[in-house]
C-alpha cells in the first residue's frame, strides 16, 4: 500500500520512527518518506546512517514542531499517510512539566489532525500507550486525550478522504528511556545495586520490530475509528534484572510519581467495545461511526469478548521466563 505513496512520520527520529522509516525503505518503493521532527542533530545523524540505502533519495527531512500548526500543515502537502509518533513520553518529566506535556501531546495531536484533514491525507495512525488506559499520571491522561481526539476526528472528516485510527501497545524492549538500557548501564558502571520501584511490578513488552510490523498491518486493517491492540507477553520487572545479572543486589526504592504497579491495555469498562482477532484486539469507538469493525481491511474476522473482559499485565496468560528474556536482551 505504500508503493509510490508519500508517508510522513512525526517524531521520525525517535526509536520507533527510525525503525519505521528503515522498514519503509527496505520493504516498499515509496514516492517520498518525510521525517518531521524538531531536533536537527538527530535528523543529521539519521540522514547519515541511511545515506547508503538504495532508496535514500526518497527521504526528506523536515524540521518542525507539531505545536506549530502552520509548519505541520506545510509538511503535509501531498502526503498520503501519516504515522503520528511525536510525543513527550517520560512519566516523571510530565508530572513536573505538565503544561509542556499538554502542549505537545494534546494540542500537537490536534494540529496534526486538522492539518491532515485540510490536506486530504488518506490515513492517519496515532501511536498510543498502555498508560492511556485508566490513567493515573499526566502522560497517560494526555495520551488518552490524544486517542479520543484521533478517533472523534472521523466525524469531522466524514466529507473528506481522511480516516483516523490509533495503535496502542506496551513498553518497547530496549527503546530509548526504557528500563533495560537503564539497568544495563548501571551494571556496566558496576553499580552495587539495581533500583526497583516495586517487587511485583509487571509490564507488557513488545520488540521494536514487532511494533513497526503491527503499525504497518494496522494501516492495512483500518477502517477508521479503531484502537488496535496487539496481544503481547508480560514481563516481571524483577525478572529483567535477574536475566541481566542473577547475583546483583536489588534495592526497592518505592513507586515513582505517576507510576502503576501493573498496566492495562483493555479496561473492564470497555469490554463491550472489544473485538478479539487472532493476534490482536480492537477497541471499537464509543461514538457511532456506522462501520462494521468485525471484518477489517484484511478480511480478518473478530468476535466480541466476554463480559467484564480485562487485558492487564498481571493477569496475562503469557509471561516471559528469565531464559526467554535473556534471549531477547
Protein backbone atom coordinates (compact mmCIF):
# COMPACT_ATOMS: atom_id res chain seq x y z
CA UNK A 1 0.00 0.00 0.00
CA UNK A 2 2.98 2.32 0.47
CA UNK A 3 4.43 1.83 -3.01
CA UNK A 4 4.54 5.14 -4.90
CA UNK A 5 2.96 6.90 -1.90
CA UNK A 6 4.19 9.71 0.34
CA UNK A 7 4.38 8.97 4.06
CA UNK A 8 5.10 11.46 6.84
CA UNK A 9 6.34 10.36 10.26
CA UNK A 10 6.05 12.84 13.13
CA UNK A 11 8.74 12.26 15.72
CA UNK A 12 10.59 10.41 12.98
CA UNK A 13 13.96 10.48 14.76
CA UNK A 14 12.72 8.62 17.86
CA UNK A 15 13.21 4.90 18.48
CA UNK A 16 10.01 3.86 16.72
CA UNK A 17 10.24 6.49 14.00
CA UNK A 18 13.73 5.42 12.91
CA UNK A 19 12.75 1.74 12.76
CA UNK A 20 9.52 2.56 10.90
CA UNK A 21 11.40 4.64 8.30
CA UNK A 22 14.01 1.89 7.85
CA UNK A 23 11.27 -0.70 7.32
CA UNK A 24 9.57 1.50 4.71
CA UNK A 25 12.88 1.88 2.87
CA UNK A 26 13.57 -1.86 2.98
CA UNK A 27 10.14 -3.17 2.03
CA UNK A 28 8.43 -0.53 -0.12
CA UNK A 29 9.18 1.67 -3.08
CA UNK A 30 7.76 4.85 -1.56
CA UNK A 31 7.49 8.04 -3.56
CA UNK A 32 8.65 10.04 -0.55
CA UNK A 33 9.26 9.48 3.18
CA UNK A 34 9.16 12.67 5.25
CA UNK A 35 10.80 12.70 8.69
CA UNK A 36 9.19 15.52 10.68
CA UNK A 37 10.91 16.36 13.97
CA UNK A 38 12.41 19.27 15.88
CA UNK A 39 15.98 18.07 16.58
CA UNK A 40 18.43 18.97 13.79
CA UNK A 41 21.23 16.81 15.22
CA UNK A 42 19.06 13.68 15.32
CA UNK A 43 17.91 14.39 11.76
CA UNK A 44 21.52 14.76 10.63
CA UNK A 45 22.51 11.50 12.34
CA UNK A 46 19.57 9.61 10.83
CA UNK A 47 20.29 11.03 7.37
CA UNK A 48 23.93 9.95 7.66
CA UNK A 49 23.02 6.45 8.86
CA UNK A 50 20.67 5.92 5.89
CA UNK A 51 22.74 7.70 3.24
CA UNK A 52 23.93 4.46 1.61
CA UNK A 53 20.49 2.87 1.39
CA UNK A 54 19.41 2.15 -2.17
CA UNK A 55 16.23 4.21 -1.64
CA UNK A 56 17.79 7.05 0.37
CA UNK A 57 16.78 9.52 -2.36
CA UNK A 58 13.15 9.17 -1.24
CA UNK A 59 13.92 10.63 2.21
CA UNK A 60 13.01 14.20 3.12
CA UNK A 61 13.95 15.80 6.44
CA UNK A 62 11.56 18.47 7.68
CA UNK A 63 12.47 20.46 10.79
CA UNK A 64 9.42 21.49 12.77
CA UNK A 65 7.34 21.06 15.90
CA UNK A 66 3.82 19.64 15.94
CA UNK A 67 2.90 22.54 18.24
CA UNK A 68 3.26 24.77 15.15
CA UNK A 69 0.18 24.09 13.05
CA UNK A 70 1.32 26.09 10.02
CA UNK A 71 4.57 24.12 9.87
CA UNK A 72 2.94 20.69 10.08
CA UNK A 73 0.32 21.82 7.57
CA UNK A 74 3.04 22.78 5.10
CA UNK A 75 4.78 19.44 5.66
CA UNK A 76 1.56 17.52 4.92
CA UNK A 77 1.02 18.92 1.41
CA UNK A 78 0.51 15.96 -0.99
CA UNK A 79 1.07 13.39 1.80
CA UNK A 80 -0.89 10.12 1.58
CA UNK A 81 -0.31 8.56 5.01
CA UNK A 82 0.74 9.87 8.44
CA UNK A 83 2.24 7.91 11.31
CA UNK A 84 1.97 10.25 14.29
CA UNK A 85 4.65 9.22 16.81
CA UNK A 86 5.73 12.59 18.24
CA UNK A 87 5.05 12.93 21.96
CA UNK A 88 6.57 13.79 25.32
CA UNK A 89 6.73 10.36 26.95
CA UNK A 90 8.63 10.48 30.23
CA UNK A 91 6.13 9.98 33.06
CA UNK A 92 8.06 11.79 35.79
CA UNK A 93 9.05 14.67 33.49
CA UNK A 94 5.39 15.12 32.55
CA UNK A 95 4.37 15.31 36.20
CA UNK A 96 6.79 18.18 36.77
CA UNK A 97 6.33 19.88 33.37
CA UNK A 98 2.62 19.42 32.90
CA UNK A 99 1.93 22.36 30.58
CA UNK A 100 4.63 21.27 28.16
CA UNK A 101 3.24 17.74 28.04
CA UNK A 102 -0.26 19.05 27.28
CA UNK A 103 1.02 21.38 24.54
CA UNK A 104 2.76 18.57 22.68
CA UNK A 105 0.60 15.53 23.29
CA UNK A 106 -2.84 17.15 23.09
CA UNK A 107 -2.55 20.42 21.18
CA UNK A 108 0.15 18.97 18.92
CA UNK A 109 -2.06 16.00 18.06
CA UNK A 110 -4.95 18.34 17.30
CA UNK A 111 -2.67 20.26 14.92
CA UNK A 112 -1.69 17.05 13.12
CA UNK A 113 -5.37 16.07 12.81
CA UNK A 114 -6.52 19.41 11.44
CA UNK A 115 -3.58 19.67 9.04
CA UNK A 116 -4.24 16.12 7.78
CA UNK A 117 -7.90 16.91 7.08
CA UNK A 118 -7.00 20.19 5.37
CA UNK A 119 -4.54 18.37 3.10
CA UNK A 120 -6.80 15.38 2.32
CA UNK A 121 -4.39 12.83 3.78
CA UNK A 122 -5.79 9.33 3.26
CA UNK A 123 -4.95 7.61 6.55
CA UNK A 124 -3.56 8.72 9.93
CA UNK A 125 -2.46 6.44 12.75
CA UNK A 126 -1.65 7.89 16.18
CA UNK A 127 0.64 5.84 18.41
CA UNK A 128 -0.67 5.40 21.93
CA UNK A 129 0.36 3.60 25.10
CA UNK A 130 -1.00 1.32 27.82
CA UNK A 131 -0.66 4.32 30.14
CA UNK A 132 -3.68 5.87 28.37
CA UNK A 133 -5.95 3.21 29.93
CA UNK A 134 -7.41 4.31 33.29
CA UNK A 135 -4.58 6.86 33.55
CA UNK A 136 -3.17 7.89 36.91
CA UNK A 137 -0.41 10.12 35.51
CA UNK A 138 -0.46 13.18 33.27
CA UNK A 139 1.35 11.46 30.42
CA UNK A 140 -1.35 8.77 30.29
CA UNK A 141 -4.11 11.39 30.53
CA UNK A 142 -2.67 13.38 27.62
CA UNK A 143 -2.36 10.23 25.52
CA UNK A 144 -5.95 9.28 26.34
CA UNK A 145 -7.00 12.75 25.17
CA UNK A 146 -4.91 12.31 22.02
CA UNK A 147 -6.59 8.95 21.39
CA UNK A 148 -10.06 10.45 21.80
CA UNK A 149 -9.18 13.38 19.54
CA UNK A 150 -7.90 10.99 16.88
CA UNK A 151 -10.95 8.73 16.95
CA UNK A 152 -13.55 11.53 17.05
CA UNK A 153 -11.85 13.21 14.08
CA UNK A 154 -13.53 10.60 11.88
CA UNK A 155 -16.73 12.58 12.48
CA UNK A 156 -15.06 15.83 11.39
CA UNK A 157 -13.56 14.28 8.26
CA UNK A 158 -16.74 12.47 7.18
CA UNK A 159 -16.94 14.55 3.97
CA UNK A 160 -13.21 14.22 3.30
CA UNK A 161 -10.90 11.34 2.36
CA UNK A 162 -9.11 11.19 5.71
CA UNK A 163 -9.66 8.38 8.23
CA UNK A 164 -8.03 8.09 11.66
CA UNK A 165 -7.13 5.17 13.92
CA UNK A 166 -4.94 4.50 16.97
CA UNK A 167 -2.38 1.81 17.77
CA UNK A 168 -1.90 1.09 21.48
CA UNK A 169 0.80 -1.18 22.90
CA UNK A 170 3.06 -1.66 25.91
CA UNK A 171 6.71 -0.95 26.66
CA UNK A 172 9.13 -1.33 23.76
CA UNK A 173 12.10 -3.56 24.61
CA UNK A 174 15.44 -1.73 24.51
CA UNK A 175 13.87 1.55 23.33
CA UNK A 176 15.45 4.81 24.45
CA UNK A 177 14.46 5.58 28.04
CA UNK A 178 13.18 2.08 28.83
CA UNK A 179 14.32 0.09 31.87
CA UNK A 180 16.54 -2.42 30.06
CA UNK A 181 19.14 0.10 28.77
CA UNK A 182 18.98 1.79 32.19
CA UNK A 183 19.64 -1.45 34.06
CA UNK A 184 22.41 -2.38 31.61
CA UNK A 185 24.15 0.95 32.12
CA UNK A 186 24.12 0.51 35.91
CA UNK A 187 25.63 -2.97 35.57
CA UNK A 188 28.31 -1.70 33.17
CA UNK A 189 29.15 1.04 35.69
CA UNK A 190 29.50 -1.70 38.34
CA UNK A 191 26.76 -0.20 40.48
CA UNK A 192 26.40 -2.02 43.80
CA UNK A 193 22.64 -2.49 43.31
CA UNK A 194 19.78 -2.15 40.82
CA UNK A 195 16.88 0.09 41.94
CA UNK A 196 13.41 -1.43 41.62
CA UNK A 197 10.34 0.61 42.45
CA UNK A 198 8.11 -2.36 43.41
CA UNK A 199 8.89 -6.11 43.63
CA UNK A 200 5.62 -7.17 41.97
CA UNK A 201 5.73 -4.72 39.06
CA UNK A 202 4.75 -6.11 35.63
CA UNK A 203 4.60 -4.67 32.14
CA UNK A 204 3.53 -5.62 28.63
CA UNK A 205 6.55 -5.78 26.33
CA UNK A 206 6.94 -5.66 22.56
CA UNK A 207 10.05 -5.53 20.40
CA UNK A 208 10.70 -2.51 18.20
CA UNK A 209 10.45 -4.65 15.07
CA UNK A 210 7.14 -6.16 16.21
CA UNK A 211 5.69 -2.72 16.93
CA UNK A 212 6.65 -1.47 13.45
CA UNK A 213 5.14 -4.52 11.75
CA UNK A 214 1.95 -4.16 13.78
CA UNK A 215 1.56 -0.49 12.82
CA UNK A 216 2.08 -1.29 9.13
CA UNK A 217 -0.57 -4.03 9.34
CA UNK A 218 -2.89 -1.61 11.13
CA UNK A 219 -2.69 0.76 8.15
CA UNK A 220 -3.95 -2.16 6.03
CA UNK A 221 -6.59 -3.23 8.55
CA UNK A 222 -8.05 0.15 9.49
CA UNK A 223 -11.48 1.43 8.53
CA UNK A 224 -11.18 4.49 10.75
CA UNK A 225 -12.14 4.76 14.41
CA UNK A 226 -10.45 1.65 15.80
CA UNK A 227 -7.85 1.33 18.53
CA UNK A 228 -5.62 -1.60 17.53
CA UNK A 229 -4.03 -3.55 20.41
CA UNK A 230 -1.53 -6.39 19.82
CA UNK A 231 -1.61 -9.48 22.01
CA UNK A 232 1.62 -9.25 23.99
CA UNK A 233 3.51 -11.20 26.64
CA UNK A 234 4.05 -9.74 30.10
CA UNK A 235 7.35 -9.39 31.93
CA UNK A 236 8.04 -9.14 35.65
CA UNK A 237 10.48 -6.26 36.02
CA UNK A 238 12.38 -8.17 38.69
CA UNK A 239 12.94 -10.97 36.13
CA UNK A 240 14.61 -8.47 33.77
CA UNK A 241 17.16 -7.72 36.48
CA UNK A 242 17.70 -11.45 37.11
CA UNK A 243 18.15 -12.06 33.38
CA UNK A 244 20.82 -9.35 33.25
CA UNK A 245 22.61 -10.37 36.45
CA UNK A 246 21.47 -13.10 38.83
CA UNK A 247 23.80 -12.00 41.62
CA UNK A 248 23.41 -8.24 41.75
CA UNK A 249 21.62 -6.72 44.75
CA UNK A 250 18.12 -5.33 44.20
CA UNK A 251 17.06 -2.28 46.22
CA UNK A 252 13.34 -1.44 46.50
CA UNK A 253 13.06 2.35 46.21
CA UNK A 254 9.28 2.89 46.07
CA UNK A 255 6.90 3.80 43.27
CA UNK A 256 7.74 6.99 41.37
CA UNK A 257 5.21 9.81 40.79
CA UNK A 258 2.50 8.64 38.39
CA UNK A 259 3.74 5.04 38.18
CA UNK A 260 1.47 1.96 38.23
CA UNK A 261 2.35 -1.49 39.55
CA UNK A 262 0.61 -3.12 36.57
CA UNK A 263 -0.52 -1.79 33.19
CA UNK A 264 -3.79 -2.37 31.35
CA UNK A 265 -4.31 -2.46 27.58
CA UNK A 266 -8.07 -3.10 27.72
CA UNK A 267 -10.10 -1.93 30.70
CA UNK A 268 -13.13 -3.75 32.10
CA UNK A 269 -15.41 -0.78 31.49
CA UNK A 270 -14.64 -1.01 27.76
CA UNK A 271 -15.23 -4.77 27.41
CA UNK A 272 -18.49 -4.24 25.49
CA UNK A 273 -16.47 -2.48 22.77
CA UNK A 274 -13.64 -5.04 22.44
CA UNK A 275 -13.31 -7.39 19.48
CA UNK A 276 -10.99 -10.41 19.63
CA UNK A 277 -8.97 -11.21 16.49
CA UNK A 278 -6.33 -13.91 16.04
CA UNK A 279 -3.25 -11.88 17.06
CA UNK A 280 -4.76 -8.60 18.22
CA UNK A 281 -7.71 -6.87 19.86
CA UNK A 282 -9.72 -3.94 18.57
CA UNK A 283 -11.41 -1.32 20.71
CA UNK A 284 -14.38 -0.04 18.75
CA UNK A 285 -15.26 3.66 19.06
CA UNK A 286 -17.88 4.53 21.66
CA UNK A 287 -19.29 7.05 19.17
CA UNK A 288 -21.32 5.70 16.26
CA UNK A 289 -19.35 5.83 13.02
CA UNK A 290 -21.65 3.40 11.15
CA UNK A 291 -18.88 0.94 10.29
CA UNK A 292 -18.64 -2.84 10.62
CA UNK A 293 -15.46 -3.47 12.61
CA UNK A 294 -16.00 -7.25 12.86
CA UNK A 295 -14.28 -7.63 9.47
CA UNK A 296 -11.21 -5.50 8.89
CA UNK A 297 -9.43 -4.29 5.76
CA UNK A 298 -7.52 -7.58 5.50
CA UNK A 299 -10.81 -9.52 5.71
CA UNK A 300 -9.90 -10.89 9.14
CA UNK A 301 -12.89 -11.61 11.40
CA UNK A 302 -13.23 -10.65 15.06
CA UNK A 303 -15.63 -11.66 17.82
CA UNK A 304 -16.88 -9.84 20.88
CA UNK A 305 -15.10 -10.72 24.14
CA UNK A 306 -16.85 -11.93 27.26
CA UNK A 307 -18.46 -9.51 29.67
CA UNK A 308 -16.03 -7.81 32.09
CA UNK A 309 -13.00 -8.77 29.96
CA UNK A 310 -9.75 -7.16 31.18
CA UNK A 311 -6.35 -7.30 29.48
CA UNK A 312 -3.85 -6.50 32.21
CA UNK A 313 -0.11 -7.18 32.52
CA UNK A 314 -0.61 -9.04 35.81
CA UNK A 315 -3.39 -11.39 34.65
CA UNK A 316 -1.89 -12.14 31.24
CA UNK A 317 -1.79 -15.78 30.13
CA UNK A 318 1.72 -15.36 28.70
CA UNK A 319 4.68 -14.31 30.87
CA UNK A 320 8.23 -14.38 29.52
CA UNK A 321 10.57 -16.62 31.52
CA UNK A 322 14.02 -15.45 32.60
CA UNK A 323 15.63 -17.60 29.88
CA UNK A 324 13.31 -16.07 27.25
CA UNK A 325 14.17 -12.58 28.48
CA UNK A 326 17.89 -13.40 28.22
CA UNK A 327 17.47 -14.30 24.53
CA UNK A 328 15.70 -11.01 23.85
CA UNK A 329 18.12 -8.71 25.63
